[in-house]
C-alpha atoms as a PDB file:
ATOM      1  CA  UNK A   1      38.857  46.207   9.116  1.00  0.00           C
ATOM      2  CA  UNK A   2      39.639  42.783   7.673  1.00  0.00           C
ATOM      3  CA  UNK A   3      40.110  42.291   3.937  1.00  0.00           C
ATOM      4  CA  UNK A   4      36.906  41.047   2.260  1.00  0.00           C
ATOM      5  CA  UNK A   5      37.032  37.411   1.219  1.00  0.00           C
ATOM      6  CA  UNK A   6      37.440  36.602  -2.461  1.00  0.00           C
ATOM      7  CA  UNK A   7      34.502  34.764  -3.995  1.00  0.00           C
ATOM      8  CA  UNK A   8      34.562  32.562  -7.092  1.00  0.00           C
ATOM      9  CA  UNK A   9      31.225  31.884  -8.803  1.00  0.00           C
ATOM     10  CA  UNK A  10      31.156  29.146 -11.457  1.00  0.00           C
ATOM     11  CA  UNK A  11      28.428  29.802 -14.013  1.00  0.00           C
ATOM     12  CA  UNK A  12      27.133  33.251 -15.035  1.00  0.00           C
ATOM     13  CA  UNK A  13      23.672  32.267 -16.252  1.00  0.00           C
ATOM     14  CA  UNK A  14      20.269  32.415 -14.555  1.00  0.00           C
ATOM     15  CA  UNK A  15      21.636  32.325 -10.983  1.00  0.00           C
ATOM     16  CA  UNK A  16      25.366  32.911 -11.214  1.00  0.00           C
ATOM     17  CA  UNK A  17      25.441  36.564 -12.246  1.00  0.00           C
ATOM     18  CA  UNK A  18      22.941  37.402  -9.472  1.00  0.00           C
ATOM     19  CA  UNK A  19      25.012  35.551  -6.858  1.00  0.00           C
ATOM     20  CA  UNK A  20      28.106  37.438  -8.024  1.00  0.00           C
ATOM     21  CA  UNK A  21      26.138  40.675  -7.672  1.00  0.00           C
ATOM     22  CA  UNK A  22      25.330  39.951  -3.997  1.00  0.00           C
ATOM     23  CA  UNK A  23      28.969  39.717  -3.022  1.00  0.00           C
ATOM     24  CA  UNK A  24      30.183  42.587  -5.217  1.00  0.00           C
ATOM     25  CA  UNK A  25      27.558  44.916  -3.704  1.00  0.00           C
ATOM     26  CA  UNK A  26      28.968  44.095  -0.269  1.00  0.00           C
ATOM     27  CA  UNK A  27      32.574  44.850  -1.188  1.00  0.00           C
ATOM     28  CA  UNK A  28      33.896  41.404  -2.100  1.00  0.00           C
ATOM     29  CA  UNK A  29      36.128  40.797  -5.105  1.00  0.00           C
ATOM     30  CA  UNK A  30      34.410  38.222  -7.321  1.00  0.00           C
ATOM     31  CA  UNK A  31      35.710  35.897 -10.023  1.00  0.00           C
ATOM     32  CA  UNK A  32      32.810  34.938 -12.301  1.00  0.00           C
ATOM     33  CA  UNK A  33      33.669  31.917 -14.471  1.00  0.00           C
ATOM     34  CA  UNK A  34      31.630  31.122 -17.593  1.00  0.00           C
ATOM     35  CA  UNK A  35      32.612  28.961 -20.572  1.00  0.00           C
ATOM     36  CA  UNK A  36      29.765  30.132 -22.832  1.00  0.00           C
ATOM     37  CA  UNK A  37      30.952  33.234 -24.697  1.00  0.00           C
ATOM     38  CA  UNK A  38      27.527  34.830 -25.152  1.00  0.00           C
ATOM     39  CA  UNK A  39      26.577  34.423 -21.495  1.00  0.00           C
ATOM     40  CA  UNK A  40      30.017  35.624 -20.424  1.00  0.00           C
ATOM     41  CA  UNK A  41      29.784  38.791 -22.528  1.00  0.00           C
ATOM     42  CA  UNK A  42      26.283  39.648 -21.263  1.00  0.00           C
ATOM     43  CA  UNK A  43      26.862  38.941 -17.564  1.00  0.00           C
ATOM     44  CA  UNK A  44      27.897  42.442 -16.485  1.00  0.00           C
ATOM     45  CA  UNK A  45      25.098  44.042 -18.480  1.00  0.00           C
ATOM     46  CA  UNK A  46      22.604  41.868 -16.623  1.00  0.00           C
ATOM     47  CA  UNK A  47      24.069  42.909 -13.275  1.00  0.00           C
ATOM     48  CA  UNK A  48      24.023  46.556 -14.344  1.00  0.00           C
ATOM     49  CA  UNK A  49      20.344  46.256 -15.310  1.00  0.00           C
ATOM     50  CA  UNK A  50      19.532  44.624 -11.961  1.00  0.00           C
ATOM     51  CA  UNK A  51      21.236  47.437 -10.065  1.00  0.00           C
ATOM     52  CA  UNK A  52      19.428  50.097 -12.123  1.00  0.00           C
ATOM     53  CA  UNK A  53      16.015  48.501 -11.576  1.00  0.00           C
ATOM     54  CA  UNK A  54      16.623  48.302  -7.846  1.00  0.00           C
ATOM     55  CA  UNK A  55      17.886  51.896  -7.602  1.00  0.00           C
ATOM     56  CA  UNK A  56      14.857  53.153  -9.549  1.00  0.00           C
ATOM     57  CA  UNK A  57      12.595  51.665  -6.865  1.00  0.00           C
ATOM     58  CA  UNK A  58      14.419  53.102  -3.877  1.00  0.00           C
ATOM     59  CA  UNK A  59      17.136  50.570  -3.086  1.00  0.00           C
ATOM     60  CA  UNK A  60      20.245  52.365  -1.811  1.00  0.00           C
ATOM     61  CA  UNK A  61      23.746  51.002  -2.436  1.00  0.00           C
ATOM     62  CA  UNK A  62      26.894  52.085  -0.614  1.00  0.00           C
ATOM     63  CA  UNK A  63      28.831  52.292  -3.886  1.00  0.00           C
ATOM     64  CA  UNK A  64      28.176  53.476  -7.424  1.00  0.00           C
ATOM     65  CA  UNK A  65      27.237  50.798  -9.978  1.00  0.00           C
ATOM     66  CA  UNK A  66      30.583  51.105 -11.799  1.00  0.00           C
ATOM     67  CA  UNK A  67      32.485  50.445  -8.569  1.00  0.00           C
ATOM     68  CA  UNK A  68      30.324  47.390  -7.851  1.00  0.00           C
ATOM     69  CA  UNK A  69      30.786  46.086 -11.403  1.00  0.00           C
ATOM     70  CA  UNK A  70      34.554  46.623 -11.249  1.00  0.00           C
ATOM     71  CA  UNK A  71      34.702  44.113  -8.402  1.00  0.00           C
ATOM     72  CA  UNK A  72      33.457  41.386 -10.759  1.00  0.00           C
ATOM     73  CA  UNK A  73      36.129  39.874 -13.013  1.00  0.00           C
ATOM     74  CA  UNK A  74      34.800  37.534 -15.683  1.00  0.00           C
ATOM     75  CA  UNK A  75      36.863  34.588 -16.907  1.00  0.00           C
ATOM     76  CA  UNK A  76      36.422  31.673 -19.274  1.00  0.00           C
ATOM     77  CA  UNK A  77      38.820  29.375 -17.406  1.00  0.00           C
ATOM     78  CA  UNK A  78      38.407  28.024 -13.888  1.00  0.00           C
ATOM     79  CA  UNK A  79      42.044  27.671 -12.787  1.00  0.00           C
ATOM     80  CA  UNK A  80      42.962  31.398 -12.460  1.00  0.00           C
ATOM     81  CA  UNK A  81      39.788  32.039 -10.451  1.00  0.00           C
ATOM     82  CA  UNK A  82      40.762  29.403  -7.880  1.00  0.00           C
ATOM     83  CA  UNK A  83      44.230  30.682  -6.976  1.00  0.00           C
ATOM     84  CA  UNK A  84      43.210  33.072  -4.212  1.00  0.00           C
ATOM     85  CA  UNK A  85      39.520  32.395  -3.581  1.00  0.00           C
ATOM     86  CA  UNK A  86      38.152  31.849  -0.074  1.00  0.00           C
ATOM     87  CA  UNK A  87      34.727  30.600  -1.155  1.00  0.00           C
ATOM     88  CA  UNK A  88      33.701  28.984  -4.437  1.00  0.00           C
ATOM     89  CA  UNK A  89      30.028  28.728  -5.395  1.00  0.00           C
ATOM     90  CA  UNK A  90      28.948  26.476  -8.273  1.00  0.00           C
ATOM     91  CA  UNK A  91      25.877  27.745 -10.148  1.00  0.00           C
ATOM     92  CA  UNK A  92      25.738  25.723 -13.365  1.00  0.00           C
ATOM     93  CA  UNK A  93      22.663  23.917 -14.711  1.00  0.00           C
ATOM     94  CA  UNK A  94      21.358  20.783 -13.022  1.00  0.00           C
ATOM     95  CA  UNK A  95      23.591  18.093 -14.502  1.00  0.00           C
ATOM     96  CA  UNK A  96      25.091  15.742 -11.921  1.00  0.00           C
ATOM     97  CA  UNK A  97      28.143  14.671 -13.928  1.00  0.00           C
ATOM     98  CA  UNK A  98      29.016  18.276 -14.754  1.00  0.00           C
ATOM     99  CA  UNK A  99      28.716  19.325 -11.115  1.00  0.00           C
ATOM    100  CA  UNK A 100      30.807  16.368  -9.957  1.00  0.00           C
ATOM    101  CA  UNK A 101      33.564  17.324 -12.395  1.00  0.00           C
ATOM    102  CA  UNK A 102      33.479  20.979 -11.338  1.00  0.00           C
ATOM    103  CA  UNK A 103      33.834  20.037  -7.681  1.00  0.00           C
ATOM    104  CA  UNK A 104      36.667  17.630  -8.401  1.00  0.00           C
ATOM    105  CA  UNK A 105      38.402  20.513 -10.200  1.00  0.00           C
ATOM    106  CA  UNK A 106      37.641  23.038  -7.446  1.00  0.00           C
ATOM    107  CA  UNK A 107      38.912  20.593  -4.839  1.00  0.00           C
ATOM    108  CA  UNK A 108      42.157  20.204  -6.771  1.00  0.00           C
ATOM    109  CA  UNK A 109      42.680  23.874  -7.660  1.00  0.00           C
ATOM    110  CA  UNK A 110      41.519  25.811  -4.591  1.00  0.00           C
ATOM    111  CA  UNK A 111      43.356  26.339  -1.326  1.00  0.00           C
ATOM    112  CA  UNK A 112      42.660  23.605   1.268  1.00  0.00           C
ATOM    113  CA  UNK A 113      40.993  26.285   3.410  1.00  0.00           C
ATOM    114  CA  UNK A 114      38.515  27.343   0.717  1.00  0.00           C
ATOM    115  CA  UNK A 115      34.860  26.419   1.243  1.00  0.00           C
ATOM    116  CA  UNK A 116      33.214  24.827  -1.816  1.00  0.00           C
ATOM    117  CA  UNK A 117      29.468  25.375  -2.268  1.00  0.00           C
ATOM    118  CA  UNK A 118      26.803  24.106  -4.668  1.00  0.00           C
ATOM    119  CA  UNK A 119      23.712  26.123  -5.582  1.00  0.00           C
ATOM    120  CA  UNK A 120      21.770  23.047  -6.700  1.00  0.00           C
ATOM    121  CA  UNK A 121      18.083  23.325  -5.845  1.00  0.00           C
ATOM    122  CA  UNK A 122      17.285  19.608  -5.571  1.00  0.00           C
ATOM    123  CA  UNK A 123      20.327  17.390  -6.156  1.00  0.00           C
ATOM    124  CA  UNK A 124      22.141  15.433  -3.451  1.00  0.00           C
ATOM    125  CA  UNK A 125      25.173  17.337  -2.168  1.00  0.00           C
ATOM    126  CA  UNK A 126      26.640  13.979  -1.167  1.00  0.00           C
ATOM    127  CA  UNK A 127      26.468  12.769  -4.782  1.00  0.00           C
ATOM    128  CA  UNK A 128      27.848  16.056  -6.118  1.00  0.00           C
ATOM    129  CA  UNK A 129      30.826  15.781  -3.740  1.00  0.00           C
ATOM    130  CA  UNK A 130      31.459  12.085  -4.376  1.00  0.00           C
ATOM    131  CA  UNK A 131      34.285  12.530  -6.922  1.00  0.00           C
ATOM    132  CA  UNK A 132      36.197  15.002  -4.708  1.00  0.00           C
ATOM    133  CA  UNK A 133      38.907  14.203  -2.170  1.00  0.00           C
ATOM    134  CA  UNK A 134      38.251  16.812   0.558  1.00  0.00           C
ATOM    135  CA  UNK A 135      34.525  16.295   0.920  1.00  0.00           C
ATOM    136  CA  UNK A 136      34.450  17.808   4.413  1.00  0.00           C
ATOM    137  CA  UNK A 137      34.614  21.297   2.879  1.00  0.00           C
ATOM    138  CA  UNK A 138      31.748  20.828   0.412  1.00  0.00           C
ATOM    139  CA  UNK A 139      28.335  22.182   1.346  1.00  0.00           C
ATOM    140  CA  UNK A 140      25.054  23.090  -0.328  1.00  0.00           C
ATOM    141  CA  UNK A 141      24.049  26.752  -0.575  1.00  0.00           C
ATOM    142  CA  UNK A 142      20.657  26.873  -2.269  1.00  0.00           C
ATOM    143  CA  UNK A 143      19.916  30.465  -3.293  1.00  0.00           C
ATOM    144  CA  UNK A 144      16.432  31.283  -4.630  1.00  0.00           C
ATOM    145  CA  UNK A 145      15.761  33.066  -7.906  1.00  0.00           C
ATOM    146  CA  UNK A 146      16.403  35.973  -8.174  1.00  0.00           C
ATOM    147  CA  UNK A 147      19.201  35.477  -5.634  1.00  0.00           C
ATOM    148  CA  UNK A 148      19.964  39.180  -5.164  1.00  0.00           C
ATOM    149  CA  UNK A 149      16.358  39.845  -4.031  1.00  0.00           C
ATOM    150  CA  UNK A 150      15.171  36.721  -2.189  1.00  0.00           C
ATOM    151  CA  UNK A 151      16.942  36.537   1.186  1.00  0.00           C
ATOM    152  CA  UNK A 152      16.755  32.794   1.885  1.00  0.00           C
ATOM    153  CA  UNK A 153      19.767  30.519   1.383  1.00  0.00           C
ATOM    154  CA  UNK A 154      19.493  26.889   2.490  1.00  0.00           C
ATOM    155  CA  UNK A 155      22.850  25.718   3.896  1.00  0.00           C
ATOM    156  CA  UNK A 156      22.811  21.957   3.362  1.00  0.00           C
ATOM    157  CA  UNK A 157      25.378  19.732   5.015  1.00  0.00           C
ATOM    158  CA  UNK A 158      26.221  16.127   4.237  1.00  0.00           C
ATOM    159  CA  UNK A 159      27.354  13.512   6.737  1.00  0.00           C
ATOM    160  CA  UNK A 160      30.921  14.422   5.763  1.00  0.00           C
ATOM    161  CA  UNK A 161      30.631  18.231   5.876  1.00  0.00           C
ATOM    162  CA  UNK A 162      32.723  19.708   8.685  1.00  0.00           C
ATOM    163  CA  UNK A 163      31.288  22.120  11.238  1.00  0.00           C
ATOM    164  CA  UNK A 164      33.883  24.774  10.361  1.00  0.00           C
ATOM    165  CA  UNK A 165      32.687  24.672   6.747  1.00  0.00           C
ATOM    166  CA  UNK A 166      28.988  25.269   7.488  1.00  0.00           C
ATOM    167  CA  UNK A 167      29.834  27.901  10.092  1.00  0.00           C
ATOM    168  CA  UNK A 168      32.079  29.795   7.674  1.00  0.00           C
ATOM    169  CA  UNK A 169      29.555  29.985   4.834  1.00  0.00           C
ATOM    170  CA  UNK A 170      26.658  30.708   7.223  1.00  0.00           C
ATOM    171  CA  UNK A 171      28.610  33.655   8.659  1.00  0.00           C
ATOM    172  CA  UNK A 172      29.543  34.979   5.215  1.00  0.00           C
ATOM    173  CA  UNK A 173      25.949  34.799   3.961  1.00  0.00           C
ATOM    174  CA  UNK A 174      24.651  36.633   7.024  1.00  0.00           C
ATOM    175  CA  UNK A 175      27.257  39.382   6.518  1.00  0.00           C
ATOM    176  CA  UNK A 176      26.100  40.026   2.935  1.00  0.00           C
ATOM    177  CA  UNK A 177      22.473  40.406   3.982  1.00  0.00           C
ATOM    178  CA  UNK A 178      21.141  36.940   3.205  1.00  0.00           C
ATOM    179  CA  UNK A 179      18.937  34.837   5.513  1.00  0.00           C
ATOM    180  CA  UNK A 180      20.767  31.505   5.812  1.00  0.00           C
ATOM    181  CA  UNK A 181      19.100  28.483   7.430  1.00  0.00           C
ATOM    182  CA  UNK A 182      20.654  25.181   8.449  1.00  0.00           C
ATOM    183  CA  UNK A 183      19.411  22.039   6.696  1.00  0.00           C
ATOM    184  CA  UNK A 184      20.747  19.140   8.756  1.00  0.00           C
ATOM    185  CA  UNK A 185      20.021  16.302   6.308  1.00  0.00           C
ATOM    186  CA  UNK A 186      20.955  16.073   2.639  1.00  0.00           C
ATOM    187  CA  UNK A 187      17.581  15.055   1.186  1.00  0.00           C
ATOM    188  CA  UNK A 188      16.176  15.681  -2.336  1.00  0.00           C
ATOM    189  CA  UNK A 189      14.625  19.149  -2.536  1.00  0.00           C
ATOM    190  CA  UNK A 190      15.996  20.166   0.888  1.00  0.00           C
ATOM    191  CA  UNK A 191      13.263  22.141   2.740  1.00  0.00           C
ATOM    192  CA  UNK A 192      11.925  24.852   0.451  1.00  0.00           C
ATOM    193  CA  UNK A 193      11.399  22.813  -2.695  1.00  0.00           C
ATOM    194  CA  UNK A 194       9.814  19.919  -0.800  1.00  0.00           C
ATOM    195  CA  UNK A 195       7.253  22.350   0.616  1.00  0.00           C
ATOM    196  CA  UNK A 196       6.789  24.193  -2.673  1.00  0.00           C
ATOM    197  CA  UNK A 197       6.266  21.116  -4.806  1.00  0.00           C
ATOM    198  CA  UNK A 198       3.941  19.496  -2.285  1.00  0.00           C
ATOM    199  CA  UNK A 199       1.708  22.539  -2.831  1.00  0.00           C
ATOM    200  CA  UNK A 200       2.140  22.308  -6.609  1.00  0.00           C
ATOM    201  CA  UNK A 201       1.218  18.601  -6.610  1.00  0.00           C
ATOM    202  CA  UNK A 202      -2.075  19.343  -4.855  1.00  0.00           C
ATOM    203  CA  UNK A 203      -2.718  22.382  -7.089  1.00  0.00           C
ATOM    204  CA  UNK A 204      -2.294  20.284 -10.239  1.00  0.00           C
ATOM    205  CA  UNK A 205      -4.368  17.432  -8.760  1.00  0.00           C
ATOM    206  CA  UNK A 206      -7.232  19.865  -8.151  1.00  0.00           C
ATOM    207  CA  UNK A 207      -7.048  20.774 -11.859  1.00  0.00           C
ATOM    208  CA  UNK A 208      -6.869  17.083 -12.865  1.00  0.00           C
ATOM    209  CA  UNK A 209     -10.033  16.363 -10.883  1.00  0.00           C
ATOM    210  CA  UNK A 210     -11.963  19.309 -12.342  1.00  0.00           C
ATOM    211  CA  UNK A 211     -12.520  20.889  -8.916  1.00  0.00           C
ATOM    212  CA  UNK A 212     -11.744  24.322 -10.391  1.00  0.00           C
ATOM    213  CA  UNK A 213      -9.865  25.831 -13.328  1.00  0.00           C
ATOM    214  CA  UNK A 214      -6.138  26.730 -13.205  1.00  0.00           C
ATOM    215  CA  UNK A 215      -6.715  30.476 -12.782  1.00  0.00           C
ATOM    216  CA  UNK A 216      -8.931  29.853  -9.768  1.00  0.00           C
ATOM    217  CA  UNK A 217      -6.212  27.801  -8.058  1.00  0.00           C
ATOM    218  CA  UNK A 218      -3.906  30.824  -8.185  1.00  0.00           C
ATOM    219  CA  UNK A 219      -6.708  33.219  -7.150  1.00  0.00           C
ATOM    220  CA  UNK A 220      -7.440  31.134  -4.049  1.00  0.00           C
ATOM    221  CA  UNK A 221      -3.787  31.161  -2.995  1.00  0.00           C
ATOM    222  CA  UNK A 222      -3.081  34.834  -3.792  1.00  0.00           C
ATOM    223  CA  UNK A 223      -6.258  36.128  -2.145  1.00  0.00           C
ATOM    224  CA  UNK A 224      -6.474  33.606   0.686  1.00  0.00           C
ATOM    225  CA  UNK A 225      -3.843  31.890   2.804  1.00  0.00           C
ATOM    226  CA  UNK A 226      -1.054  33.232   0.590  1.00  0.00           C
ATOM    227  CA  UNK A 227      -1.570  36.673   2.157  1.00  0.00           C
ATOM    228  CA  UNK A 228      -0.582  35.245   5.551  1.00  0.00           C
ATOM    229  CA  UNK A 229       2.533  33.388   4.431  1.00  0.00           C
ATOM    230  CA  UNK A 230       5.038  36.283   4.629  1.00  0.00           C
ATOM    231  CA  UNK A 231       4.061  36.688   8.301  1.00  0.00           C
ATOM    232  CA  UNK A 232       2.853  33.260   9.435  1.00  0.00           C
ATOM    233  CA  UNK A 233       4.342  29.986   8.247  1.00  0.00           C
ATOM    234  CA  UNK A 234       2.346  26.743   8.558  1.00  0.00           C
ATOM    235  CA  UNK A 235       3.965  25.704  11.855  1.00  0.00           C
ATOM    236  CA  UNK A 236       3.218  28.992  13.620  1.00  0.00           C
ATOM    237  CA  UNK A 237      -0.286  29.014  12.123  1.00  0.00           C
ATOM    238  CA  UNK A 238      -0.927  25.527  13.526  1.00  0.00           C
ATOM    239  CA  UNK A 239       0.196  26.652  16.973  1.00  0.00           C
ATOM    240  CA  UNK A 240      -1.988  29.751  16.665  1.00  0.00           C
ATOM    241  CA  UNK A 241      -5.194  27.901  15.791  1.00  0.00           C
ATOM    242  CA  UNK A 242      -4.402  25.022  18.143  1.00  0.00           C
ATOM    243  CA  UNK A 243      -2.781  21.655  17.511  1.00  0.00           C
ATOM    244  CA  UNK A 244      -5.925  19.833  18.601  1.00  0.00           C
ATOM    245  CA  UNK A 245      -7.923  21.590  15.866  1.00  0.00           C
ATOM    246  CA  UNK A 246      -5.081  21.003  13.392  1.00  0.00           C
ATOM    247  CA  UNK A 247      -5.095  17.271  14.154  1.00  0.00           C
ATOM    248  CA  UNK A 248      -8.872  17.088  13.834  1.00  0.00           C
ATOM    249  CA  UNK A 249      -8.697  18.753  10.416  1.00  0.00           C
ATOM    250  CA  UNK A 250      -5.879  16.424   9.319  1.00  0.00           C
ATOM    251  CA  UNK A 251      -7.749  13.335  10.426  1.00  0.00           C
ATOM    252  CA  UNK A 252     -10.568  14.357   8.111  1.00  0.00           C
ATOM    253  CA  UNK A 253      -8.779  15.917   5.107  1.00  0.00           C
ATOM    254  CA  UNK A 254      -5.473  14.094   4.668  1.00  0.00           C
ATOM    255  CA  UNK A 255      -7.058  10.970   3.127  1.00  0.00           C
ATOM    256  CA  UNK A 256      -8.487  13.237   0.416  1.00  0.00           C
ATOM    257  CA  UNK A 257      -5.225  15.060  -0.420  1.00  0.00           C
ATOM    258  CA  UNK A 258      -3.188  13.821  -3.369  1.00  0.00           C
ATOM    259  CA  UNK A 259      -0.206  11.591  -2.559  1.00  0.00           C
ATOM    260  CA  UNK A 260       0.575  10.323  -6.077  1.00  0.00           C
ATOM    261  CA  UNK A 261       4.341   9.767  -6.564  1.00  0.00           C
ATOM    262  CA  UNK A 262       4.063  10.551 -10.295  1.00  0.00           C
ATOM    263  CA  UNK A 263       3.449  13.916 -12.005  1.00  0.00           C
ATOM    264  CA  UNK A 264      -0.055  15.243 -12.661  1.00  0.00           C
ATOM    265  CA  UNK A 265      -1.969  13.784 -15.632  1.00  0.00           C
ATOM    266  CA  UNK A 266      -2.727  17.258 -16.982  1.00  0.00           C
ATOM    267  CA  UNK A 267       0.879  18.360 -16.548  1.00  0.00           C
ATOM    268  CA  UNK A 268       2.156  15.270 -18.372  1.00  0.00           C
ATOM    269  CA  UNK A 269      -0.242  15.715 -21.298  1.00  0.00           C
ATOM    270  CA  UNK A 270       0.666  19.371 -21.687  1.00  0.00           C
ATOM    271  CA  UNK A 271       4.406  18.689 -21.728  1.00  0.00           C
ATOM    272  CA  UNK A 272       3.879  15.931 -24.305  1.00  0.00           C
ATOM    273  CA  UNK A 273       1.878  18.396 -26.448  1.00  0.00           C
ATOM    274  CA  UNK A 274       4.636  21.032 -26.236  1.00  0.00           C
ATOM    275  CA  UNK A 275       2.464  23.327 -24.093  1.00  0.00           C
ATOM    276  CA  UNK A 276       5.274  24.485 -21.785  1.00  0.00           C
ATOM    277  CA  UNK A 277       3.927  27.738 -20.349  1.00  0.00           C
ATOM    278  CA  UNK A 278       5.765  30.998 -21.012  1.00  0.00           C
ATOM    279  CA  UNK A 279       8.244  29.140 -23.253  1.00  0.00           C
ATOM    280  CA  UNK A 280       5.529  28.281 -25.800  1.00  0.00           C
ATOM    281  CA  UNK A 281       2.805  30.822 -25.016  1.00  0.00           C
ATOM    282  CA  UNK A 282       0.493  28.159 -23.625  1.00  0.00           C
ATOM    283  CA  UNK A 283       0.575  25.995 -20.528  1.00  0.00           C
ATOM    284  CA  UNK A 284      -2.200  25.630 -17.983  1.00  0.00           C
ATOM    285  CA  UNK A 285      -3.280  29.018 -19.388  1.00  0.00           C
ATOM    286  CA  UNK A 286      -2.565  30.931 -22.607  1.00  0.00           C
ATOM    287  CA  UNK A 287      -0.017  33.762 -22.523  1.00  0.00           C
ATOM    288  CA  UNK A 288       0.652  36.594 -24.963  1.00  0.00           C
ATOM    289  CA  UNK A 289       4.104  38.198 -25.081  1.00  0.00           C
ATOM    290  CA  UNK A 290       2.647  41.245 -23.323  1.00  0.00           C
ATOM    291  CA  UNK A 291       1.127  39.132 -20.552  1.00  0.00           C
ATOM    292  CA  UNK A 292       4.400  37.265 -20.060  1.00  0.00           C
ATOM    293  CA  UNK A 293       6.306  40.549 -19.756  1.00  0.00           C
ATOM    294  CA  UNK A 294       3.713  41.929 -17.332  1.00  0.00           C
ATOM    295  CA  UNK A 295       3.887  38.824 -15.144  1.00  0.00           C
ATOM    296  CA  UNK A 296       7.667  38.957 -14.935  1.00  0.00           C
ATOM    297  CA  UNK A 297       7.611  42.691 -14.206  1.00  0.00           C
ATOM    298  CA  UNK A 298       4.981  42.339 -11.463  1.00  0.00           C
ATOM    299  CA  UNK A 299       7.138  39.779  -9.714  1.00  0.00           C
ATOM    300  CA  UNK A 300      10.309  41.872 -10.042  1.00  0.00           C
ATOM    301  CA  UNK A 301       8.579  45.030  -8.811  1.00  0.00           C
ATOM    302  CA  UNK A 302       7.099  43.215  -5.820  1.00  0.00           C
ATOM    303  CA  UNK A 303      10.392  41.632  -4.783  1.00  0.00           C
ATOM    304  CA  UNK A 304      12.284  44.912  -5.161  1.00  0.00           C
ATOM    305  CA  UNK A 305       9.682  46.737  -3.027  1.00  0.00           C
ATOM    306  CA  UNK A 306      10.027  44.119  -0.292  1.00  0.00           C
ATOM    307  CA  UNK A 307      13.832  44.320  -0.518  1.00  0.00           C
ATOM    308  CA  UNK A 308      13.738  48.132  -0.257  1.00  0.00           C
ATOM    309  CA  UNK A 309      11.403  48.000   2.766  1.00  0.00           C
ATOM    310  CA  UNK A 310      13.780  45.594   4.529  1.00  0.00           C
ATOM    311  CA  UNK A 311      16.586  48.132   4.106  1.00  0.00           C
ATOM    312  CA  UNK A 312      14.695  50.708   6.189  1.00  0.00           C
END
């Protein structure tokens, strides 16, 4: 059996600790680099809590939590984590200059054979790679939150990304249980976020126009077409109902669907008023601390159940 590749993850916050967890669970040594002391000190506790929550709902791991956690080494400095890594994954917050600097450093410090990946959800991989020398080994790997539960990873290549680079990361992701997909063009939002935010734009426009209230928008999705989405995507659904019917519907409805290139009026007013959703207790709807906790827990429980079922 070949020696597991060494993975370096840069950033231990919202996404980074979960990405590190994926590889540690599957036997890979992981360097987790974080400059913020508080985040660095809490990273392993967050992974431990994730593992416990999953185990409590029937997820089976090949190794005990302590063995998995021992595979993760947490550092404050980038250079030592680059010496022997095979793959480096950047997972810092969405700041272009910061990401460009990290990739310039990774390019300088890592072996020429190491694949360098960015977990950005919307930013241009081409721009992120622009300050680096060996841009052929830089690729986008957009994990979805929480990364240890949601299988999809969008593998985004630029015009300069080499085939060997995308093939290597695609193979690695598949081996650790992810569902990688190839994105052939480096466009803002890639595939998933373009689809997601097109839906959000129309949802917010419906609220702007007073067609229904915010809660009803979510009720319609959860209790209607949303039930089909885990089984039937929009393309397969169109083929199922017939492309002639789909075109007839589009000829009628598309002129009435929102195409505004600017954010929703209601959304803009709420942000200006400091009504930020869970962060402030009020957004499109009002939220108590208990309701916020319940919402987060419902999502976690659902995703863990789906993850456990996929193990069977």
